[in-house]
Amino acid sequence: MGDFLIKLVRPDLAFSSLRDFIELGGDVLLAIMLATFIMWALIIERYWHFATSQKGLSKNAINHWNERSDHSSWYARRIREKLISEVKQSSERGLLYIKTLVAAAPLFGLLGTVTGMVEVFDVMAITGSSNARAMAAGISKATLPTMAGMVVALSGVFASIYLNSASERHSNDLNELIKREL
């Protein structure tokens, strides 16, 4: 525990530990790391959107609807659908990318597993034996990306589920607030 805290205080040790981890896991870990940064940037942006501008967009749509004198004609219903659709589109922006990166993270891990096992088989073919020390690098390149891909996917799944439910909740709330008068 103390060693971990020292690495947090000293960035040079943290970067060397990260470099060592990437060397042990292979180049696929770089792809997983890039996908993680992009995914979490999108997740943070969506949280920020829901915390700041989503309520304002809904309020503008409600005000626009309430300013109308006609609420029951075919044209008015289309305007109502348009207002709800615009707010819903705004709340769903970026969620597809987040879901795609969540689904791709385990696949990147699987790619790391395959490349690591290919390295193990290369060592076995070159040395002609199953020397555990010679195969250790390939085995770590097979297991670390799998673990990293699963951790990234799990962390993104919970955020994705929350963001999807928040988007649906905002759309349903707006749908209820802008009532149809037929």
N, C-alpha and C. Protein backbone atom coordinates (compact mmCIF):
# COMPACT_ATOMS: atom_id res chain seq x y z
N MET A 1 0.83 -1.20 0.00
CA MET A 1 0.00 0.00 0.00
C MET A 1 0.87 1.25 0.00
N GLY A 2 1.93 1.26 0.80
CA GLY A 2 2.82 2.41 0.87
C GLY A 2 3.50 2.67 -0.46
N ASP A 3 3.87 1.60 -1.18
CA ASP A 3 4.52 1.74 -2.48
C ASP A 3 3.56 2.38 -3.48
N PHE A 4 2.30 2.04 -3.41
CA PHE A 4 1.29 2.63 -4.29
C PHE A 4 1.15 4.12 -4.04
N LEU A 5 1.14 4.53 -2.77
CA LEU A 5 1.02 5.95 -2.43
C LEU A 5 2.24 6.74 -2.89
N ILE A 6 3.41 6.13 -2.80
CA ILE A 6 4.62 6.80 -3.27
C ILE A 6 4.53 7.04 -4.78
N LYS A 7 3.99 6.07 -5.51
CA LYS A 7 3.86 6.22 -6.96
C LYS A 7 2.85 7.31 -7.30
N LEU A 8 1.83 7.52 -6.46
CA LEU A 8 0.88 8.59 -6.70
C LEU A 8 1.51 9.96 -6.49
N VAL A 9 2.40 10.03 -5.51
CA VAL A 9 3.04 11.30 -5.19
C VAL A 9 4.12 11.63 -6.22
N ARG A 10 4.81 10.62 -6.70
CA ARG A 10 5.90 10.83 -7.66
C ARG A 10 5.47 10.40 -9.05
N PRO A 11 5.17 11.33 -9.93
CA PRO A 11 4.69 10.99 -11.27
C PRO A 11 5.69 10.21 -12.09
N ASP A 12 6.98 10.40 -11.87
CA ASP A 12 7.97 9.66 -12.64
C ASP A 12 7.86 8.17 -12.38
N LEU A 13 7.56 7.79 -11.13
CA LEU A 13 7.36 6.37 -10.82
C LEU A 13 6.05 5.86 -11.41
N ALA A 14 5.02 6.71 -11.44
CA ALA A 14 3.75 6.29 -12.02
C ALA A 14 3.90 6.04 -13.51
N PHE A 15 4.61 6.93 -14.21
CA PHE A 15 4.81 6.75 -15.65
C PHE A 15 5.68 5.54 -15.96
N SER A 16 6.67 5.29 -15.13
CA SER A 16 7.50 4.10 -15.37
C SER A 16 6.70 2.83 -15.11
N SER A 17 5.82 2.85 -14.12
CA SER A 17 4.97 1.69 -13.88
C SER A 17 4.00 1.47 -15.03
N LEU A 18 3.45 2.54 -15.58
CA LEU A 18 2.56 2.44 -16.72
C LEU A 18 3.31 1.90 -17.94
N ARG A 19 4.52 2.39 -18.15
CA ARG A 19 5.34 1.90 -19.27
C ARG A 19 5.64 0.42 -19.11
N ASP A 20 5.97 0.00 -17.89
CA ASP A 20 6.24 -1.43 -17.64
C ASP A 20 5.00 -2.28 -17.90
N PHE A 21 3.83 -1.78 -17.48
CA PHE A 21 2.59 -2.50 -17.69
C PHE A 21 2.30 -2.66 -19.19
N ILE A 22 2.52 -1.60 -19.96
CA ILE A 22 2.28 -1.67 -21.40
C ILE A 22 3.28 -2.61 -22.07
N GLU A 23 4.52 -2.61 -21.61
CA GLU A 23 5.51 -3.53 -22.17
C GLU A 23 5.14 -4.99 -21.89
N LEU A 24 4.62 -5.24 -20.69
CA LEU A 24 4.22 -6.61 -20.35
C LEU A 24 3.00 -7.06 -21.15
N GLY A 25 2.10 -6.13 -21.45
CA GLY A 25 0.86 -6.48 -22.13
C GLY A 25 0.91 -6.37 -23.64
N GLY A 26 1.90 -5.72 -24.16
CA GLY A 26 2.02 -5.61 -25.61
C GLY A 26 1.35 -4.37 -26.18
N ASP A 27 1.42 -4.26 -27.48
CA ASP A 27 0.92 -3.08 -28.18
C ASP A 27 -0.60 -2.96 -28.13
N VAL A 28 -1.29 -4.06 -27.92
CA VAL A 28 -2.75 -4.02 -27.89
C VAL A 28 -3.23 -3.19 -26.70
N LEU A 29 -2.44 -3.15 -25.63
CA LEU A 29 -2.82 -2.33 -24.48
C LEU A 29 -2.87 -0.85 -24.85
N LEU A 30 -2.06 -0.42 -25.79
CA LEU A 30 -2.14 0.98 -26.23
C LEU A 30 -3.48 1.26 -26.89
N ALA A 31 -3.96 0.33 -27.71
CA ALA A 31 -5.27 0.50 -28.34
C ALA A 31 -6.37 0.51 -27.29
N ILE A 32 -6.26 -0.36 -26.30
CA ILE A 32 -7.26 -0.40 -25.22
C ILE A 32 -7.22 0.90 -24.43
N MET A 33 -6.02 1.42 -24.18
CA MET A 33 -5.88 2.67 -23.43
C MET A 33 -6.48 3.84 -24.23
N LEU A 34 -6.23 3.89 -25.51
CA LEU A 34 -6.80 4.94 -26.35
C LEU A 34 -8.33 4.86 -26.37
N ALA A 35 -8.86 3.64 -26.53
CA ALA A 35 -10.32 3.46 -26.51
C ALA A 35 -10.90 3.87 -25.16
N THR A 36 -10.18 3.59 -24.08
CA THR A 36 -10.64 3.96 -22.75
C THR A 36 -10.72 5.47 -22.60
N PHE A 37 -9.68 6.17 -23.03
CA PHE A 37 -9.68 7.63 -22.92
C PHE A 37 -10.82 8.25 -23.73
N ILE A 38 -11.02 7.75 -24.94
CA ILE A 38 -12.10 8.28 -25.78
C ILE A 38 -13.46 7.99 -25.14
N MET A 39 -13.64 6.75 -24.67
CA MET A 39 -14.92 6.36 -24.06
C MET A 39 -15.23 7.23 -22.84
N TRP A 40 -14.24 7.41 -21.96
CA TRP A 40 -14.51 8.18 -20.74
C TRP A 40 -14.63 9.67 -21.02
N ALA A 41 -13.99 10.16 -22.08
CA ALA A 41 -14.21 11.56 -22.46
C ALA A 41 -15.66 11.75 -22.91
N LEU A 42 -16.17 10.80 -23.68
CA LEU A 42 -17.57 10.87 -24.11
C LEU A 42 -18.53 10.73 -22.93
N ILE A 43 -18.21 9.84 -22.00
CA ILE A 43 -19.07 9.65 -20.82
C ILE A 43 -19.11 10.92 -19.98
N ILE A 44 -17.96 11.52 -19.75
CA ILE A 44 -17.91 12.73 -18.95
C ILE A 44 -18.65 13.86 -19.65
N GLU A 45 -18.52 13.93 -20.97
CA GLU A 45 -19.25 14.95 -21.72
C GLU A 45 -20.75 14.77 -21.58
N ARG A 46 -21.24 13.53 -21.61
CA ARG A 46 -22.67 13.28 -21.46
C ARG A 46 -23.14 13.63 -20.05
N TYR A 47 -22.36 13.27 -19.04
CA TYR A 47 -22.73 13.65 -17.67
C TYR A 47 -22.80 15.18 -17.56
N TRP A 48 -21.84 15.86 -18.15
CA TRP A 48 -21.83 17.33 -18.12
C TRP A 48 -23.06 17.89 -18.84
N HIS A 49 -23.41 17.29 -19.95
CA HIS A 49 -24.59 17.73 -20.70
C HIS A 49 -25.86 17.59 -19.86
N PHE A 50 -26.02 16.44 -19.21
CA PHE A 50 -27.22 16.23 -18.40
C PHE A 50 -27.24 17.15 -17.18
N ALA A 51 -26.06 17.47 -16.65
CA ALA A 51 -26.01 18.34 -15.48
C ALA A 51 -26.23 19.81 -15.82
N THR A 52 -25.89 20.22 -17.04
CA THR A 52 -25.94 21.65 -17.35
C THR A 52 -27.00 22.02 -18.37
N SER A 53 -26.93 21.51 -19.58
CA SER A 53 -27.76 22.06 -20.65
C SER A 53 -29.04 21.29 -20.95
N GLN A 54 -29.19 20.08 -20.49
CA GLN A 54 -30.38 19.30 -20.83
C GLN A 54 -31.66 19.93 -20.27
N LYS A 55 -31.60 20.42 -19.05
CA LYS A 55 -32.78 21.05 -18.45
C LYS A 55 -33.17 22.32 -19.20
N GLY A 56 -32.17 23.07 -19.64
CA GLY A 56 -32.45 24.28 -20.41
C GLY A 56 -33.10 23.97 -21.75
N LEU A 57 -32.63 22.91 -22.42
CA LEU A 57 -33.24 22.52 -23.69
C LEU A 57 -34.69 22.09 -23.49
N SER A 58 -34.94 21.33 -22.43
CA SER A 58 -36.32 20.90 -22.14
C SER A 58 -37.20 22.10 -21.82
N LYS A 59 -36.67 23.03 -21.04
CA LYS A 59 -37.44 24.22 -20.67
C LYS A 59 -37.77 25.06 -21.90
N ASN A 60 -36.81 25.19 -22.83
CA ASN A 60 -37.07 25.93 -24.06
C ASN A 60 -38.16 25.26 -24.89
N ALA A 61 -38.13 23.94 -24.97
CA ALA A 61 -39.16 23.22 -25.72
C ALA A 61 -40.52 23.40 -25.08
N ILE A 62 -40.59 23.34 -23.76
CA ILE A 62 -41.87 23.53 -23.05
C ILE A 62 -42.38 24.94 -23.27
N ASN A 63 -41.50 25.93 -23.17
CA ASN A 63 -41.92 27.32 -23.39
C ASN A 63 -42.42 27.53 -24.81
N HIS A 64 -41.71 26.95 -25.77
CA HIS A 64 -42.14 27.07 -27.16
C HIS A 64 -43.53 26.45 -27.35
N TRP A 65 -43.77 25.32 -26.72
CA TRP A 65 -45.07 24.66 -26.83
C TRP A 65 -46.17 25.48 -26.13
N ASN A 66 -45.86 26.01 -24.97
CA ASN A 66 -46.86 26.76 -24.22
C ASN A 66 -47.20 28.09 -24.87
N GLU A 67 -46.28 28.64 -25.66
CA GLU A 67 -46.54 29.90 -26.36
C GLU A 67 -47.54 29.73 -27.51
N ARG A 68 -47.70 28.51 -27.96
CA ARG A 68 -48.62 28.25 -29.07
C ARG A 68 -50.06 28.34 -28.58
N SER A 69 -50.89 28.88 -29.42
CA SER A 69 -52.31 28.94 -29.06
C SER A 69 -53.03 27.66 -29.48
N ASP A 70 -52.55 27.06 -30.57
CA ASP A 70 -53.18 25.86 -31.09
C ASP A 70 -52.40 24.64 -30.60
N HIS A 71 -53.07 23.76 -29.87
CA HIS A 71 -52.43 22.54 -29.37
C HIS A 71 -53.07 21.27 -29.92
N SER A 72 -54.13 21.40 -30.71
CA SER A 72 -54.87 20.20 -31.08
C SER A 72 -54.85 19.86 -32.56
N SER A 73 -54.39 20.75 -33.42
CA SER A 73 -54.41 20.45 -34.85
C SER A 73 -53.30 19.45 -35.22
N TRP A 74 -53.41 18.96 -36.45
CA TRP A 74 -52.39 18.04 -36.95
C TRP A 74 -51.03 18.72 -36.96
N TYR A 75 -50.99 19.97 -37.39
CA TYR A 75 -49.76 20.74 -37.45
C TYR A 75 -49.16 20.93 -36.05
N ALA A 76 -49.98 21.19 -35.07
CA ALA A 76 -49.52 21.37 -33.70
C ALA A 76 -48.92 20.07 -33.14
N ARG A 77 -49.56 18.95 -33.48
CA ARG A 77 -49.03 17.67 -33.00
C ARG A 77 -47.67 17.38 -33.62
N ARG A 78 -47.48 17.77 -34.89
CA ARG A 78 -46.17 17.57 -35.54
C ARG A 78 -45.10 18.45 -34.90
N ILE A 79 -45.48 19.66 -34.54
CA ILE A 79 -44.54 20.55 -33.85
C ILE A 79 -44.17 19.98 -32.49
N ARG A 80 -45.18 19.42 -31.80
CA ARG A 80 -44.92 18.79 -30.51
C ARG A 80 -43.93 17.63 -30.67
N GLU A 81 -44.16 16.79 -31.68
CA GLU A 81 -43.24 15.67 -31.93
C GLU A 81 -41.84 16.17 -32.27
N LYS A 82 -41.76 17.25 -33.03
CA LYS A 82 -40.47 17.82 -33.39
C LYS A 82 -39.73 18.32 -32.16
N LEU A 83 -40.41 19.02 -31.27
CA LEU A 83 -39.79 19.54 -30.06
C LEU A 83 -39.26 18.39 -29.19
N ILE A 84 -40.07 17.37 -29.02
CA ILE A 84 -39.65 16.22 -28.21
C ILE A 84 -38.49 15.50 -28.88
N SER A 85 -38.55 15.37 -30.19
CA SER A 85 -37.49 14.68 -30.93
C SER A 85 -36.16 15.42 -30.83
N GLU A 86 -36.20 16.74 -30.92
CA GLU A 86 -34.96 17.52 -30.82
C GLU A 86 -34.30 17.35 -29.46
N VAL A 87 -35.10 17.39 -28.41
CA VAL A 87 -34.54 17.23 -27.06
C VAL A 87 -34.02 15.81 -26.87
N LYS A 88 -34.76 14.83 -27.40
CA LYS A 88 -34.32 13.44 -27.29
C LYS A 88 -33.03 13.22 -28.05
N GLN A 89 -32.92 13.79 -29.24
CA GLN A 89 -31.69 13.67 -30.03
C GLN A 89 -30.52 14.28 -29.29
N SER A 90 -30.75 15.39 -28.66
CA SER A 90 -29.68 16.05 -27.91
C SER A 90 -29.22 15.19 -26.74
N SER A 91 -30.16 14.52 -26.09
CA SER A 91 -29.79 13.70 -24.94
C SER A 91 -29.13 12.38 -25.33
N GLU A 92 -29.39 11.92 -26.56
CA GLU A 92 -28.81 10.64 -27.01
C GLU A 92 -27.51 10.81 -27.78
N ARG A 93 -27.10 12.04 -28.03
CA ARG A 93 -25.89 12.29 -28.82
C ARG A 93 -24.67 11.66 -28.13
N GLY A 94 -23.94 10.86 -28.86
CA GLY A 94 -22.72 10.25 -28.34
C GLY A 94 -22.92 8.91 -27.64
N LEU A 95 -24.16 8.55 -27.31
CA LEU A 95 -24.38 7.30 -26.59
C LEU A 95 -24.05 6.08 -27.45
N LEU A 96 -24.27 6.17 -28.74
CA LEU A 96 -23.93 5.06 -29.63
C LEU A 96 -22.42 4.81 -29.65
N TYR A 97 -21.64 5.89 -29.64
CA TYR A 97 -20.19 5.73 -29.61
C TYR A 97 -19.72 5.09 -28.31
N ILE A 98 -20.35 5.48 -27.21
CA ILE A 98 -20.00 4.89 -25.92
C ILE A 98 -20.32 3.40 -25.93
N LYS A 99 -21.50 3.03 -26.42
CA LYS A 99 -21.87 1.62 -26.49
C LYS A 99 -20.93 0.83 -27.39
N THR A 100 -20.51 1.46 -28.49
CA THR A 100 -19.59 0.79 -29.40
C THR A 100 -18.24 0.55 -28.74
N LEU A 101 -17.73 1.53 -28.03
CA LEU A 101 -16.44 1.35 -27.35
C LEU A 101 -16.53 0.34 -26.21
N VAL A 102 -17.68 0.30 -25.53
CA VAL A 102 -17.88 -0.71 -24.48
C VAL A 102 -17.85 -2.11 -25.10
N ALA A 103 -18.49 -2.25 -26.25
CA ALA A 103 -18.51 -3.56 -26.92
C ALA A 103 -17.16 -3.91 -27.52
N ALA A 104 -16.40 -2.90 -27.95
CA ALA A 104 -15.11 -3.17 -28.60
C ALA A 104 -14.00 -3.48 -27.60
N ALA A 105 -14.12 -3.04 -26.37
CA ALA A 105 -13.05 -3.24 -25.39
C ALA A 105 -12.73 -4.73 -25.16
N PRO A 106 -13.72 -5.61 -24.95
CA PRO A 106 -13.38 -7.03 -24.81
C PRO A 106 -12.79 -7.63 -26.09
N LEU A 107 -13.20 -7.08 -27.23
CA LEU A 107 -12.64 -7.58 -28.49
C LEU A 107 -11.17 -7.19 -28.63
N PHE A 108 -10.83 -5.99 -28.17
CA PHE A 108 -9.41 -5.62 -28.13
C PHE A 108 -8.65 -6.56 -27.18
N GLY A 109 -9.27 -6.89 -26.05
CA GLY A 109 -8.65 -7.84 -25.13
C GLY A 109 -8.45 -9.20 -25.77
N LEU A 110 -9.42 -9.63 -26.54
CA LEU A 110 -9.31 -10.91 -27.26
C LEU A 110 -8.19 -10.85 -28.30
N LEU A 111 -8.07 -9.71 -28.96
CA LEU A 111 -6.97 -9.54 -29.91
C LEU A 111 -5.62 -9.65 -29.20
N GLY A 112 -5.52 -9.08 -28.01
CA GLY A 112 -4.30 -9.22 -27.21
C GLY A 112 -4.04 -10.66 -26.83
N THR A 113 -5.10 -11.39 -26.50
CA THR A 113 -4.95 -12.80 -26.18
C THR A 113 -4.40 -13.58 -27.37
N VAL A 114 -4.94 -13.32 -28.53
CA VAL A 114 -4.49 -14.02 -29.73
C VAL A 114 -3.04 -13.69 -30.05
N THR A 115 -2.69 -12.40 -30.01
CA THR A 115 -1.31 -12.04 -30.33
C THR A 115 -0.33 -12.59 -29.29
N GLY A 116 -0.75 -12.61 -28.03
CA GLY A 116 0.12 -13.19 -26.99
C GLY A 116 0.31 -14.68 -27.18
N MET A 117 -0.76 -15.38 -27.54
CA MET A 117 -0.63 -16.83 -27.75
C MET A 117 0.19 -17.14 -29.00
N VAL A 118 0.09 -16.30 -30.02
CA VAL A 118 0.94 -16.47 -31.19
C VAL A 118 2.40 -16.35 -30.79
N GLU A 119 2.69 -15.40 -29.91
CA GLU A 119 4.06 -15.24 -29.42
C GLU A 119 4.51 -16.47 -28.63
N VAL A 120 3.62 -17.04 -27.83
CA VAL A 120 3.95 -18.26 -27.09
C VAL A 120 4.26 -19.39 -28.06
N PHE A 121 3.45 -19.54 -29.09
CA PHE A 121 3.69 -20.61 -30.06
C PHE A 121 4.98 -20.37 -30.85
N ASP A 122 5.30 -19.10 -31.12
CA ASP A 122 6.57 -18.80 -31.78
C ASP A 122 7.75 -19.21 -30.91
N VAL A 123 7.67 -18.93 -29.63
CA VAL A 123 8.75 -19.32 -28.71
C VAL A 123 8.88 -20.83 -28.67
N MET A 124 7.73 -21.52 -28.63
CA MET A 124 7.77 -22.98 -28.60
C MET A 124 8.36 -23.53 -29.90
N ALA A 125 8.07 -22.91 -31.02
CA ALA A 125 8.59 -23.38 -32.31
C ALA A 125 10.08 -23.10 -32.42
N ILE A 126 10.51 -21.95 -31.93
CA ILE A 126 11.93 -21.59 -32.04
C ILE A 126 12.79 -22.42 -31.10
N THR A 127 12.35 -22.55 -29.84
CA THR A 127 13.17 -23.28 -28.86
C THR A 127 12.96 -24.78 -28.97
N GLY A 128 11.86 -25.20 -29.51
CA GLY A 128 11.60 -26.63 -29.63
C GLY A 128 11.19 -27.27 -28.32
N SER A 129 10.88 -26.47 -27.32
CA SER A 129 10.45 -27.03 -26.04
C SER A 129 9.41 -26.10 -25.43
N SER A 130 8.87 -26.52 -24.32
CA SER A 130 7.88 -25.70 -23.61
C SER A 130 8.52 -25.12 -22.36
N ASN A 131 9.60 -24.37 -22.54
CA ASN A 131 10.29 -23.71 -21.45
C ASN A 131 9.40 -22.59 -20.90
N ALA A 132 9.05 -22.69 -19.63
CA ALA A 132 8.12 -21.73 -19.02
C ALA A 132 8.69 -20.32 -19.00
N ARG A 133 9.98 -20.19 -18.76
CA ARG A 133 10.58 -18.84 -18.74
C ARG A 133 10.53 -18.20 -20.11
N ALA A 134 10.74 -18.96 -21.14
CA ALA A 134 10.72 -18.42 -22.50
C ALA A 134 9.30 -18.02 -22.91
N MET A 135 8.30 -18.73 -22.40
CA MET A 135 6.91 -18.44 -22.77
C MET A 135 6.26 -17.39 -21.90
N ALA A 136 6.89 -16.98 -20.82
CA ALA A 136 6.26 -16.07 -19.85
C ALA A 136 5.87 -14.73 -20.47
N ALA A 137 6.71 -14.18 -21.34
CA ALA A 137 6.38 -12.89 -21.96
C ALA A 137 5.12 -13.01 -22.82
N GLY A 138 5.01 -14.08 -23.58
CA GLY A 138 3.83 -14.28 -24.42
C GLY A 138 2.57 -14.50 -23.60
N ILE A 139 2.73 -15.21 -22.48
CA ILE A 139 1.57 -15.46 -21.63
C ILE A 139 1.08 -14.16 -20.99
N SER A 140 2.00 -13.31 -20.56
CA SER A 140 1.56 -12.02 -20.00
C SER A 140 0.94 -11.15 -21.08
N LYS A 141 1.45 -11.24 -22.31
CA LYS A 141 0.83 -10.49 -23.41
C LYS A 141 -0.52 -11.06 -23.79
N ALA A 142 -0.80 -12.29 -23.37
CA ALA A 142 -2.10 -12.89 -23.64
C ALA A 142 -3.11 -12.58 -22.54
N THR A 143 -2.65 -12.46 -21.30
CA THR A 143 -3.60 -12.29 -20.19
C THR A 143 -3.87 -10.83 -19.84
N LEU A 144 -2.86 -9.98 -19.88
CA LEU A 144 -3.06 -8.59 -19.47
C LEU A 144 -4.04 -7.83 -20.37
N PRO A 145 -3.97 -7.95 -21.70
CA PRO A 145 -4.98 -7.25 -22.51
C PRO A 145 -6.39 -7.76 -22.28
N THR A 146 -6.53 -9.05 -22.01
CA THR A 146 -7.86 -9.60 -21.73
C THR A 146 -8.44 -8.97 -20.47
N MET A 147 -7.61 -8.91 -19.44
CA MET A 147 -8.05 -8.30 -18.19
C MET A 147 -8.37 -6.82 -18.40
N ALA A 148 -7.50 -6.11 -19.09
CA ALA A 148 -7.72 -4.68 -19.30
C ALA A 148 -8.99 -4.43 -20.12
N GLY A 149 -9.21 -5.23 -21.16
CA GLY A 149 -10.41 -5.08 -21.97
C GLY A 149 -11.68 -5.30 -21.17
N MET A 150 -11.67 -6.29 -20.29
CA MET A 150 -12.85 -6.57 -19.47
C MET A 150 -13.09 -5.47 -18.44
N VAL A 151 -12.03 -4.95 -17.84
CA VAL A 151 -12.18 -3.87 -16.86
C VAL A 151 -12.75 -2.62 -17.53
N VAL A 152 -12.23 -2.30 -18.70
CA VAL A 152 -12.73 -1.14 -19.44
C VAL A 152 -14.20 -1.33 -19.80
N ALA A 153 -14.55 -2.51 -20.28
CA ALA A 153 -15.94 -2.77 -20.67
C ALA A 153 -16.87 -2.69 -19.46
N LEU A 154 -16.46 -3.26 -18.34
CA LEU A 154 -17.31 -3.22 -17.15
C LEU A 154 -17.50 -1.79 -16.64
N SER A 155 -16.42 -1.03 -16.65
CA SER A 155 -16.56 0.36 -16.18
C SER A 155 -17.46 1.17 -17.11
N GLY A 156 -17.37 0.90 -18.40
CA GLY A 156 -18.20 1.63 -19.35
C GLY A 156 -19.64 1.17 -19.38
N VAL A 157 -19.89 -0.09 -19.07
CA VAL A 157 -21.26 -0.63 -19.11
C VAL A 157 -22.14 0.08 -18.08
N PHE A 158 -21.64 0.26 -16.88
CA PHE A 158 -22.45 0.90 -15.84
C PHE A 158 -22.75 2.35 -16.20
N ALA A 159 -21.76 3.06 -16.72
CA ALA A 159 -21.99 4.44 -17.13
C ALA A 159 -22.96 4.50 -18.31
N SER A 160 -22.82 3.58 -19.25
CA SER A 160 -23.70 3.55 -20.42
C SER A 160 -25.14 3.28 -20.02
N ILE A 161 -25.35 2.36 -19.11
CA ILE A 161 -26.70 2.06 -18.64
C ILE A 161 -27.32 3.27 -17.97
N TYR A 162 -26.54 3.95 -17.12
CA TYR A 162 -27.06 5.14 -16.45
C TYR A 162 -27.41 6.22 -17.46
N LEU A 163 -26.52 6.45 -18.42
CA LEU A 163 -26.77 7.52 -19.41
C LEU A 163 -27.98 7.20 -20.29
N ASN A 164 -28.15 5.93 -20.64
CA ASN A 164 -29.33 5.54 -21.43
C ASN A 164 -30.62 5.77 -20.64
N SER A 165 -30.62 5.39 -19.38
CA SER A 165 -31.83 5.58 -18.57
C SER A 165 -32.08 7.06 -18.33
N ALA A 166 -31.04 7.85 -18.15
CA ALA A 166 -31.23 9.30 -17.98
C ALA A 166 -31.81 9.91 -19.24
N SER A 167 -31.34 9.47 -20.39
CA SER A 167 -31.86 9.98 -21.66
C SER A 167 -33.33 9.63 -21.83
N GLU A 168 -33.68 8.39 -21.55
CA GLU A 168 -35.09 7.98 -21.65
C GLU A 168 -35.96 8.72 -20.64
N ARG A 169 -35.44 8.90 -19.43
CA ARG A 169 -36.20 9.60 -18.39
C ARG A 169 -36.47 11.04 -18.80
N HIS A 170 -35.46 11.72 -19.34
CA HIS A 170 -35.66 13.10 -19.78
C HIS A 170 -36.67 13.18 -20.91
N SER A 171 -36.59 12.24 -21.85
CA SER A 171 -37.54 12.24 -22.97
C SER A 171 -38.96 11.97 -22.49
N ASN A 172 -39.12 11.00 -21.59
CA ASN A 172 -40.45 10.69 -21.07
C ASN A 172 -41.01 11.85 -20.24
N ASP A 173 -40.14 12.49 -19.46
CA ASP A 173 -40.61 13.63 -18.66
C ASP A 173 -41.08 14.77 -19.58
N LEU A 174 -40.31 15.03 -20.63
CA LEU A 174 -40.71 16.07 -21.56
C LEU A 174 -42.01 15.71 -22.26
N ASN A 175 -42.14 14.45 -22.61
CA ASN A 175 -43.37 13.99 -23.26
C ASN A 175 -44.59 14.22 -22.36
N GLU A 176 -44.41 14.00 -21.08
CA GLU A 176 -45.51 14.22 -20.13
C GLU A 176 -45.78 15.69 -19.91
N LEU A 177 -44.72 16.49 -19.91
CA LEU A 177 -44.92 17.92 -19.65
C LEU A 177 -45.59 18.64 -20.82
N ILE A 178 -45.25 18.21 -22.02
CA ILE A 178 -45.90 18.80 -23.19
C ILE A 178 -47.10 17.91 -23.53
N LYS A 179 -48.17 18.17 -22.89
CA LYS A 179 -49.36 17.31 -23.05
C LYS A 179 -50.10 17.67 -24.32
N ARG A 180 -50.65 16.64 -24.90
CA ARG A 180 -51.49 16.81 -26.08
C ARG A 180 -52.90 17.20 -25.65
N GLU A 181 -53.43 18.12 -26.34
CA GLU A 181 -54.84 18.46 -26.11
C GLU A 181 -55.59 18.16 -27.40
N LEU A 182 -56.16 17.00 -27.46
CA LEU A 182 -56.88 16.59 -28.67
C LEU A 182 -58.34 16.93 -28.61
